[in-house]
N, C-alpha and C. Protein backbone atom coordinates (compact mmCIF):
# COMPACT_ATOMS: atom_id res chain seq x y z
N MET A 1 16.35 25.81 85.31
CA MET A 1 16.60 25.09 84.08
C MET A 1 16.25 23.61 84.31
N THR A 2 15.50 23.07 83.39
CA THR A 2 15.07 21.67 83.51
C THR A 2 16.16 20.73 83.01
N ALA A 3 15.98 19.45 83.30
CA ALA A 3 16.92 18.44 82.81
C ALA A 3 16.92 18.42 81.28
N ALA A 4 15.77 18.65 80.68
CA ALA A 4 15.68 18.69 79.22
C ALA A 4 16.51 19.85 78.67
N ASP A 5 16.44 21.01 79.34
CA ASP A 5 17.25 22.17 78.92
C ASP A 5 18.73 21.86 79.02
N VAL A 6 19.12 21.21 80.12
CA VAL A 6 20.53 20.86 80.31
C VAL A 6 20.98 19.92 79.20
N ALA A 7 20.19 18.91 78.90
CA ALA A 7 20.54 17.96 77.84
C ALA A 7 20.64 18.67 76.49
N LEU A 8 19.70 19.55 76.22
CA LEU A 8 19.68 20.27 74.96
C LEU A 8 20.92 21.14 74.79
N PHE A 9 21.25 21.90 75.82
CA PHE A 9 22.39 22.80 75.73
C PHE A 9 23.72 22.06 75.86
N ALA A 10 23.78 21.06 76.70
CA ALA A 10 25.04 20.32 76.88
C ALA A 10 25.44 19.61 75.59
N THR A 11 24.47 19.01 74.91
CA THR A 11 24.82 18.28 73.69
C THR A 11 25.43 19.21 72.64
N ILE A 12 24.87 20.40 72.47
CA ILE A 12 25.41 21.26 71.41
C ILE A 12 26.73 21.91 71.82
N TRP A 13 26.87 22.30 73.08
CA TRP A 13 28.12 22.94 73.48
C TRP A 13 29.28 21.95 73.52
N VAL A 14 29.02 20.72 73.94
CA VAL A 14 30.08 19.70 73.88
C VAL A 14 30.37 19.37 72.41
N ALA A 15 29.34 19.32 71.57
CA ALA A 15 29.55 19.09 70.14
C ALA A 15 30.45 20.16 69.55
N LEU A 16 30.19 21.41 69.90
CA LEU A 16 31.01 22.51 69.37
C LEU A 16 32.45 22.43 69.87
N ALA A 17 32.62 22.05 71.13
CA ALA A 17 33.98 21.88 71.65
C ALA A 17 34.69 20.75 70.90
N CYS A 18 33.98 19.67 70.60
CA CYS A 18 34.56 18.57 69.82
C CYS A 18 34.87 19.02 68.40
N PHE A 19 34.02 19.87 67.84
CA PHE A 19 34.27 20.42 66.51
C PHE A 19 35.62 21.15 66.50
N VAL A 20 35.80 22.03 67.47
CA VAL A 20 37.04 22.81 67.56
C VAL A 20 38.23 21.88 67.79
N ALA A 21 38.09 20.91 68.67
CA ALA A 21 39.19 19.96 68.91
C ALA A 21 39.52 19.20 67.63
N GLY A 22 38.51 18.77 66.90
CA GLY A 22 38.74 18.08 65.64
C GLY A 22 39.46 18.95 64.63
N GLN A 23 39.12 20.22 64.60
CA GLN A 23 39.80 21.15 63.68
C GLN A 23 41.28 21.29 64.08
N GLU A 24 41.54 21.35 65.36
CA GLU A 24 42.94 21.42 65.82
C GLU A 24 43.68 20.13 65.46
N GLY A 25 43.02 19.00 65.62
CA GLY A 25 43.64 17.73 65.23
C GLY A 25 43.94 17.68 63.74
N GLN A 26 43.03 18.21 62.93
CA GLN A 26 43.27 18.26 61.49
C GLN A 26 44.46 19.17 61.18
N ARG A 27 44.52 20.32 61.83
CA ARG A 27 45.63 21.26 61.60
C ARG A 27 46.97 20.60 61.93
N ARG A 28 47.02 19.94 63.07
CA ARG A 28 48.27 19.28 63.47
C ARG A 28 48.64 18.16 62.50
N ALA A 29 47.65 17.42 62.03
CA ALA A 29 47.92 16.33 61.09
C ALA A 29 48.49 16.87 59.78
N VAL A 30 47.97 18.00 59.33
CA VAL A 30 48.48 18.60 58.10
C VAL A 30 49.91 19.08 58.31
N PHE A 31 50.18 19.71 59.45
CA PHE A 31 51.53 20.23 59.71
C PHE A 31 52.55 19.11 59.92
N THR A 32 52.16 18.05 60.60
CA THR A 32 53.12 17.00 60.93
C THR A 32 53.11 15.83 59.94
N GLY A 33 52.02 15.72 59.16
CA GLY A 33 51.90 14.59 58.25
C GLY A 33 51.44 13.32 58.93
N ARG A 34 51.09 13.43 60.21
CA ARG A 34 50.61 12.25 60.97
C ARG A 34 49.26 12.57 61.59
N THR A 35 48.34 11.64 61.46
CA THR A 35 47.03 11.81 62.09
C THR A 35 47.15 11.44 63.56
N LEU A 36 46.65 12.29 64.40
CA LEU A 36 46.68 12.06 65.84
C LEU A 36 45.53 11.13 66.23
N ALA A 37 45.78 10.20 67.11
CA ALA A 37 44.81 9.17 67.46
C ALA A 37 43.51 9.74 68.02
N TRP A 38 43.56 10.85 68.72
CA TRP A 38 42.37 11.40 69.36
C TRP A 38 41.53 12.27 68.43
N ALA A 39 42.10 12.75 67.35
CA ALA A 39 41.45 13.79 66.55
C ALA A 39 40.16 13.31 65.88
N TRP A 40 40.22 12.21 65.15
CA TRP A 40 39.01 11.74 64.47
C TRP A 40 37.91 11.37 65.46
N PRO A 41 38.19 10.67 66.55
CA PRO A 41 37.11 10.35 67.50
C PRO A 41 36.42 11.61 68.06
N PHE A 42 37.18 12.67 68.33
CA PHE A 42 36.56 13.91 68.79
C PHE A 42 35.67 14.50 67.71
N TRP A 43 36.19 14.54 66.49
CA TRP A 43 35.44 15.08 65.35
C TRP A 43 34.14 14.30 65.14
N CYS A 44 34.23 12.98 65.21
CA CYS A 44 33.07 12.11 65.05
C CYS A 44 32.08 12.28 66.20
N ALA A 45 32.58 12.30 67.43
CA ALA A 45 31.70 12.47 68.60
C ALA A 45 30.95 13.80 68.51
N GLY A 46 31.63 14.83 68.06
CA GLY A 46 30.97 16.12 67.92
C GLY A 46 29.81 16.06 66.94
N ALA A 47 30.03 15.42 65.80
CA ALA A 47 28.95 15.30 64.81
C ALA A 47 27.77 14.50 65.37
N LEU A 48 28.09 13.42 66.09
CA LEU A 48 27.02 12.61 66.69
C LEU A 48 26.24 13.41 67.74
N LEU A 49 26.96 14.18 68.54
CA LEU A 49 26.28 15.00 69.55
C LEU A 49 25.45 16.10 68.90
N CYS A 50 25.92 16.65 67.80
CA CYS A 50 25.15 17.65 67.08
C CYS A 50 23.85 17.03 66.56
N ALA A 51 23.93 15.83 66.02
CA ALA A 51 22.73 15.13 65.55
C ALA A 51 21.78 14.86 66.72
N LEU A 52 22.33 14.43 67.84
CA LEU A 52 21.51 14.19 69.03
C LEU A 52 20.84 15.49 69.48
N HIS A 53 21.58 16.59 69.47
CA HIS A 53 21.02 17.89 69.84
C HIS A 53 19.83 18.24 68.94
N MET A 54 19.99 18.03 67.64
CA MET A 54 18.89 18.34 66.71
C MET A 54 17.66 17.49 66.98
N MET A 55 17.90 16.22 67.28
CA MET A 55 16.76 15.34 67.59
C MET A 55 16.10 15.74 68.90
N LEU A 56 16.91 16.06 69.90
CA LEU A 56 16.35 16.51 71.18
C LEU A 56 15.54 17.79 71.00
N ALA A 57 16.07 18.73 70.21
CA ALA A 57 15.34 19.98 69.98
C ALA A 57 14.01 19.71 69.30
N LEU A 58 14.03 18.86 68.29
CA LEU A 58 12.78 18.54 67.59
C LEU A 58 11.79 17.86 68.52
N ASP A 59 12.28 17.02 69.40
CA ASP A 59 11.42 16.33 70.36
C ASP A 59 10.96 17.25 71.50
N LEU A 60 11.92 17.83 72.21
CA LEU A 60 11.61 18.56 73.44
C LEU A 60 10.98 19.93 73.19
N ARG A 61 11.37 20.60 72.13
CA ARG A 61 10.85 21.94 71.86
C ARG A 61 9.63 21.94 70.95
N TYR A 62 9.57 20.97 70.03
CA TYR A 62 8.54 21.02 69.00
C TYR A 62 7.67 19.77 68.91
N GLY A 63 7.87 18.81 69.83
CA GLY A 63 7.04 17.61 69.83
C GLY A 63 7.04 16.87 68.49
N TRP A 64 8.17 16.87 67.82
CA TRP A 64 8.37 16.23 66.52
C TRP A 64 7.50 16.86 65.42
N ASP A 65 7.06 18.09 65.64
CA ASP A 65 6.28 18.82 64.63
C ASP A 65 7.25 19.69 63.83
N HIS A 66 7.67 19.17 62.67
CA HIS A 66 8.67 19.88 61.87
C HIS A 66 8.16 21.23 61.39
N ALA A 67 6.89 21.31 61.04
CA ALA A 67 6.34 22.60 60.60
C ALA A 67 6.45 23.64 61.71
N GLN A 68 6.23 23.23 62.93
CA GLN A 68 6.38 24.15 64.07
C GLN A 68 7.84 24.56 64.23
N ALA A 69 8.77 23.63 64.06
CA ALA A 69 10.20 23.94 64.16
C ALA A 69 10.60 24.94 63.08
N VAL A 70 10.11 24.74 61.86
CA VAL A 70 10.40 25.67 60.77
C VAL A 70 9.85 27.05 61.08
N ALA A 71 8.60 27.12 61.55
CA ALA A 71 7.97 28.40 61.87
C ALA A 71 8.71 29.11 63.01
N SER A 72 9.10 28.36 64.02
CA SER A 72 9.81 28.94 65.15
C SER A 72 11.17 29.49 64.71
N THR A 73 11.87 28.73 63.86
CA THR A 73 13.15 29.19 63.34
C THR A 73 12.97 30.47 62.53
N ALA A 74 11.92 30.53 61.74
CA ALA A 74 11.63 31.74 60.96
C ALA A 74 11.34 32.92 61.88
N ASP A 75 10.61 32.68 62.96
CA ASP A 75 10.32 33.74 63.94
C ASP A 75 11.60 34.24 64.60
N GLN A 76 12.49 33.32 64.96
CA GLN A 76 13.76 33.70 65.58
C GLN A 76 14.61 34.52 64.61
N THR A 77 14.61 34.12 63.34
CA THR A 77 15.37 34.85 62.32
C THR A 77 14.80 36.25 62.15
N ALA A 78 13.48 36.36 62.15
CA ALA A 78 12.84 37.68 62.02
C ALA A 78 13.18 38.57 63.21
N ALA A 79 13.23 37.99 64.39
CA ALA A 79 13.55 38.78 65.59
C ALA A 79 14.98 39.32 65.54
N VAL A 80 15.89 38.57 64.93
CA VAL A 80 17.30 38.98 64.88
C VAL A 80 17.60 39.82 63.64
N TYR A 81 17.15 39.36 62.48
CA TYR A 81 17.53 39.99 61.22
C TYR A 81 16.41 40.81 60.56
N GLY A 82 15.20 40.73 61.12
CA GLY A 82 14.09 41.48 60.53
C GLY A 82 13.51 40.85 59.28
N LEU A 83 13.88 39.61 59.02
CA LEU A 83 13.40 38.89 57.85
C LEU A 83 12.90 37.53 58.31
N ARG A 84 11.65 37.23 58.03
CA ARG A 84 11.08 35.94 58.45
C ARG A 84 11.43 34.90 57.39
N TRP A 85 12.60 34.29 57.58
CA TRP A 85 13.11 33.30 56.63
C TRP A 85 13.11 31.93 57.29
N ALA A 86 12.45 30.98 56.65
CA ALA A 86 12.31 29.64 57.22
C ALA A 86 13.47 28.72 56.87
N GLY A 87 14.40 29.18 56.06
CA GLY A 87 15.48 28.32 55.59
C GLY A 87 16.55 28.01 56.61
N GLY A 88 16.57 28.74 57.73
CA GLY A 88 17.61 28.53 58.72
C GLY A 88 17.68 27.11 59.24
N ILE A 89 16.55 26.49 59.42
CA ILE A 89 16.55 25.12 59.94
C ILE A 89 17.19 24.17 58.92
N TYR A 90 16.97 24.45 57.63
CA TYR A 90 17.56 23.61 56.60
C TYR A 90 19.08 23.85 56.49
N VAL A 91 19.50 25.07 56.75
CA VAL A 91 20.94 25.34 56.79
C VAL A 91 21.58 24.51 57.89
N ASN A 92 20.90 24.38 59.03
CA ASN A 92 21.41 23.53 60.12
C ASN A 92 21.52 22.08 59.68
N TYR A 93 20.55 21.61 58.92
CA TYR A 93 20.61 20.23 58.43
C TYR A 93 21.78 20.05 57.47
N VAL A 94 22.01 21.04 56.60
CA VAL A 94 23.14 20.97 55.67
C VAL A 94 24.45 21.00 56.45
N PHE A 95 24.52 21.84 57.49
CA PHE A 95 25.71 21.90 58.33
C PHE A 95 26.04 20.51 58.88
N LEU A 96 25.03 19.84 59.43
CA LEU A 96 25.26 18.49 59.98
C LEU A 96 25.65 17.52 58.88
N ALA A 97 25.00 17.61 57.73
CA ALA A 97 25.32 16.70 56.62
C ALA A 97 26.76 16.90 56.14
N VAL A 98 27.20 18.14 56.05
CA VAL A 98 28.59 18.41 55.64
C VAL A 98 29.54 17.85 56.69
N TRP A 99 29.23 18.09 57.95
CA TRP A 99 30.09 17.59 59.03
C TRP A 99 30.19 16.06 58.99
N VAL A 100 29.04 15.39 58.87
CA VAL A 100 29.03 13.93 58.82
C VAL A 100 29.77 13.44 57.57
N GLY A 101 29.58 14.14 56.46
CA GLY A 101 30.31 13.78 55.24
C GLY A 101 31.81 13.89 55.43
N GLU A 102 32.25 14.94 56.14
CA GLU A 102 33.67 15.10 56.40
C GLU A 102 34.18 14.04 57.37
N VAL A 103 33.36 13.67 58.34
CA VAL A 103 33.73 12.59 59.26
C VAL A 103 34.00 11.32 58.47
N ALA A 104 33.08 11.00 57.56
CA ALA A 104 33.23 9.79 56.75
C ALA A 104 34.45 9.89 55.83
N TRP A 105 34.63 11.03 55.19
CA TRP A 105 35.76 11.21 54.27
C TRP A 105 37.08 11.03 55.02
N TRP A 106 37.19 11.66 56.17
CA TRP A 106 38.42 11.55 56.97
C TRP A 106 38.69 10.09 57.32
N ARG A 107 37.63 9.39 57.71
CA ARG A 107 37.80 7.99 58.13
C ARG A 107 38.18 7.09 56.97
N LEU A 108 37.55 7.32 55.82
CA LEU A 108 37.76 6.44 54.66
C LEU A 108 39.05 6.73 53.91
N ASN A 109 39.48 8.01 53.91
CA ASN A 109 40.69 8.37 53.17
C ASN A 109 41.29 9.62 53.79
N ALA A 110 41.97 9.44 54.90
CA ALA A 110 42.50 10.57 55.67
C ALA A 110 43.42 11.45 54.83
N ARG A 111 44.27 10.86 54.04
CA ARG A 111 45.22 11.66 53.24
C ARG A 111 44.47 12.56 52.26
N SER A 112 43.50 12.00 51.56
CA SER A 112 42.71 12.79 50.62
C SER A 112 41.94 13.90 51.33
N PHE A 113 41.40 13.59 52.49
CA PHE A 113 40.64 14.58 53.26
C PHE A 113 41.54 15.70 53.77
N LEU A 114 42.63 15.34 54.42
CA LEU A 114 43.49 16.33 55.05
C LEU A 114 44.26 17.18 54.04
N PHE A 115 44.55 16.63 52.87
CA PHE A 115 45.33 17.36 51.88
C PHE A 115 44.52 17.65 50.62
N ARG A 116 43.26 17.95 50.82
CA ARG A 116 42.39 18.28 49.69
C ARG A 116 42.76 19.65 49.12
N ARG A 117 42.12 20.00 48.04
CA ARG A 117 42.39 21.29 47.40
C ARG A 117 42.08 22.43 48.37
N PRO A 118 42.94 23.43 48.42
CA PRO A 118 42.72 24.54 49.36
C PRO A 118 41.38 25.24 49.16
N GLY A 119 40.92 25.33 47.92
CA GLY A 119 39.63 25.98 47.66
C GLY A 119 38.47 25.27 48.34
N VAL A 120 38.53 23.95 48.40
CA VAL A 120 37.49 23.17 49.07
C VAL A 120 37.52 23.48 50.57
N THR A 121 38.71 23.50 51.13
CA THR A 121 38.85 23.80 52.56
C THR A 121 38.32 25.19 52.87
N ILE A 122 38.66 26.17 52.05
CA ILE A 122 38.19 27.54 52.26
C ILE A 122 36.67 27.61 52.19
N LEU A 123 36.09 26.97 51.20
CA LEU A 123 34.63 26.98 51.03
C LEU A 123 33.93 26.33 52.22
N VAL A 124 34.41 25.17 52.64
CA VAL A 124 33.79 24.47 53.77
C VAL A 124 33.94 25.27 55.06
N ARG A 125 35.12 25.82 55.28
CA ARG A 125 35.34 26.62 56.49
C ARG A 125 34.48 27.88 56.49
N ALA A 126 34.31 28.50 55.35
CA ALA A 126 33.45 29.69 55.27
C ALA A 126 32.02 29.33 55.67
N PHE A 127 31.54 28.20 55.16
CA PHE A 127 30.20 27.74 55.51
C PHE A 127 30.10 27.46 57.01
N TYR A 128 31.07 26.69 57.52
CA TYR A 128 31.08 26.40 58.96
C TYR A 128 31.09 27.70 59.77
N PHE A 129 31.94 28.63 59.37
CA PHE A 129 32.08 29.89 60.10
C PHE A 129 30.75 30.64 60.17
N ILE A 130 30.08 30.78 59.04
CA ILE A 130 28.80 31.49 59.01
C ILE A 130 27.79 30.83 59.93
N VAL A 131 27.68 29.52 59.83
CA VAL A 131 26.71 28.79 60.66
C VAL A 131 27.09 28.90 62.14
N LEU A 132 28.36 28.70 62.45
CA LEU A 132 28.79 28.71 63.86
C LEU A 132 28.64 30.09 64.50
N VAL A 133 28.98 31.14 63.77
CA VAL A 133 28.80 32.49 64.33
C VAL A 133 27.33 32.74 64.63
N ASN A 134 26.47 32.36 63.71
CA ASN A 134 25.04 32.55 63.94
C ASN A 134 24.54 31.70 65.10
N ALA A 135 24.94 30.44 65.13
CA ALA A 135 24.45 29.52 66.16
C ALA A 135 25.02 29.82 67.54
N ALA A 136 26.31 30.06 67.61
CA ALA A 136 26.99 30.17 68.91
C ALA A 136 27.09 31.59 69.44
N VAL A 137 26.81 32.58 68.59
CA VAL A 137 26.91 33.97 69.04
C VAL A 137 25.59 34.71 68.79
N VAL A 138 25.20 34.84 67.54
CA VAL A 138 24.04 35.67 67.19
C VAL A 138 22.75 35.14 67.80
N PHE A 139 22.46 33.86 67.63
CA PHE A 139 21.21 33.29 68.13
C PHE A 139 21.34 32.66 69.51
N ALA A 140 22.53 32.64 70.06
CA ALA A 140 22.74 32.06 71.39
C ALA A 140 22.12 32.96 72.46
N ARG A 141 21.78 32.36 73.57
CA ARG A 141 21.33 33.15 74.70
C ARG A 141 22.45 34.08 75.12
N PRO A 142 22.12 35.27 75.59
CA PRO A 142 23.17 36.23 75.96
C PRO A 142 24.24 35.65 76.88
N VAL A 143 23.85 34.81 77.83
CA VAL A 143 24.81 34.23 78.76
C VAL A 143 25.80 33.29 78.05
N HIS A 144 25.42 32.74 76.91
CA HIS A 144 26.27 31.80 76.18
C HIS A 144 27.10 32.46 75.09
N ARG A 145 26.83 33.70 74.78
CA ARG A 145 27.53 34.36 73.67
C ARG A 145 29.03 34.48 73.90
N VAL A 146 29.44 34.67 75.13
CA VAL A 146 30.87 34.78 75.41
C VAL A 146 31.56 33.46 75.06
N ALA A 147 30.95 32.34 75.46
CA ALA A 147 31.52 31.03 75.12
C ALA A 147 31.55 30.84 73.61
N GLY A 148 30.49 31.25 72.93
CA GLY A 148 30.45 31.14 71.48
C GLY A 148 31.53 31.97 70.82
N ALA A 149 31.69 33.20 71.29
CA ALA A 149 32.74 34.07 70.73
C ALA A 149 34.12 33.47 70.99
N PHE A 150 34.31 32.89 72.15
CA PHE A 150 35.58 32.24 72.49
C PHE A 150 35.88 31.10 71.52
N LEU A 151 34.87 30.27 71.22
CA LEU A 151 35.06 29.18 70.27
C LEU A 151 35.41 29.71 68.88
N ILE A 152 34.78 30.79 68.47
CA ILE A 152 35.05 31.38 67.16
C ILE A 152 36.48 31.91 67.10
N VAL A 153 36.92 32.55 68.18
CA VAL A 153 38.30 33.06 68.22
C VAL A 153 39.30 31.90 68.14
N ILE A 154 39.03 30.83 68.86
CA ILE A 154 39.92 29.66 68.81
C ILE A 154 39.96 29.09 67.38
N LEU A 155 38.78 29.00 66.74
CA LEU A 155 38.76 28.51 65.35
C LEU A 155 39.57 29.42 64.44
N GLY A 156 39.46 30.73 64.64
CA GLY A 156 40.25 31.67 63.85
C GLY A 156 41.74 31.41 64.02
N PHE A 157 42.14 31.12 65.23
CA PHE A 157 43.55 30.79 65.49
C PHE A 157 43.94 29.49 64.79
N ILE A 158 43.09 28.48 64.90
CA ILE A 158 43.37 27.18 64.28
C ILE A 158 43.42 27.32 62.75
N TRP A 159 42.51 28.11 62.21
CA TRP A 159 42.39 28.25 60.75
C TRP A 159 43.33 29.30 60.16
N ARG A 160 44.13 29.95 60.98
CA ARG A 160 45.00 31.01 60.46
C ARG A 160 45.90 30.44 59.36
N PRO A 161 46.21 31.26 58.38
CA PRO A 161 47.08 30.78 57.31
C PRO A 161 48.47 30.42 57.83
N ARG A 162 49.06 29.44 57.22
CA ARG A 162 50.43 29.05 57.56
C ARG A 162 51.38 30.14 57.10
N SER A 163 52.38 30.39 57.90
CA SER A 163 53.42 31.31 57.44
C SER A 163 54.65 30.51 57.05
N GLY A 164 55.32 30.99 56.02
CA GLY A 164 56.55 30.32 55.60
C GLY A 164 56.37 29.23 54.73
């Protein structure tokens, strides 16, 4: 594995770990009514690392050729799902945009963000879940799928409905 491979994989896996940590921080803030000092910085760092990962992938894998990145993503989708769909790369961009938007919302108005309408939370989590399962399990290298599944299980625990 080259240094470029290490940078590419490290940025996304640390980003995903920060994503999960941020979700746990949000859960605790909702339960206790207090924002934890570490939660937003983890959430923000994860989004920044995800953006860095996307830039590294575009640079190191595709030489900044977006058309090549789109075609490669479509090829990967065809290999997994049997459908050559080029939209996957754009779904990744939307994922990052939603994450960055949530980072900003949390920072600018934590109360509004943390106590938003439940339907918004469900919709955003469903989107995150679909993208994360595909990224961290379905399209991940076989050796990384266990880590991806572990992250998904932890998110399921964090996102479990409140009892009582």
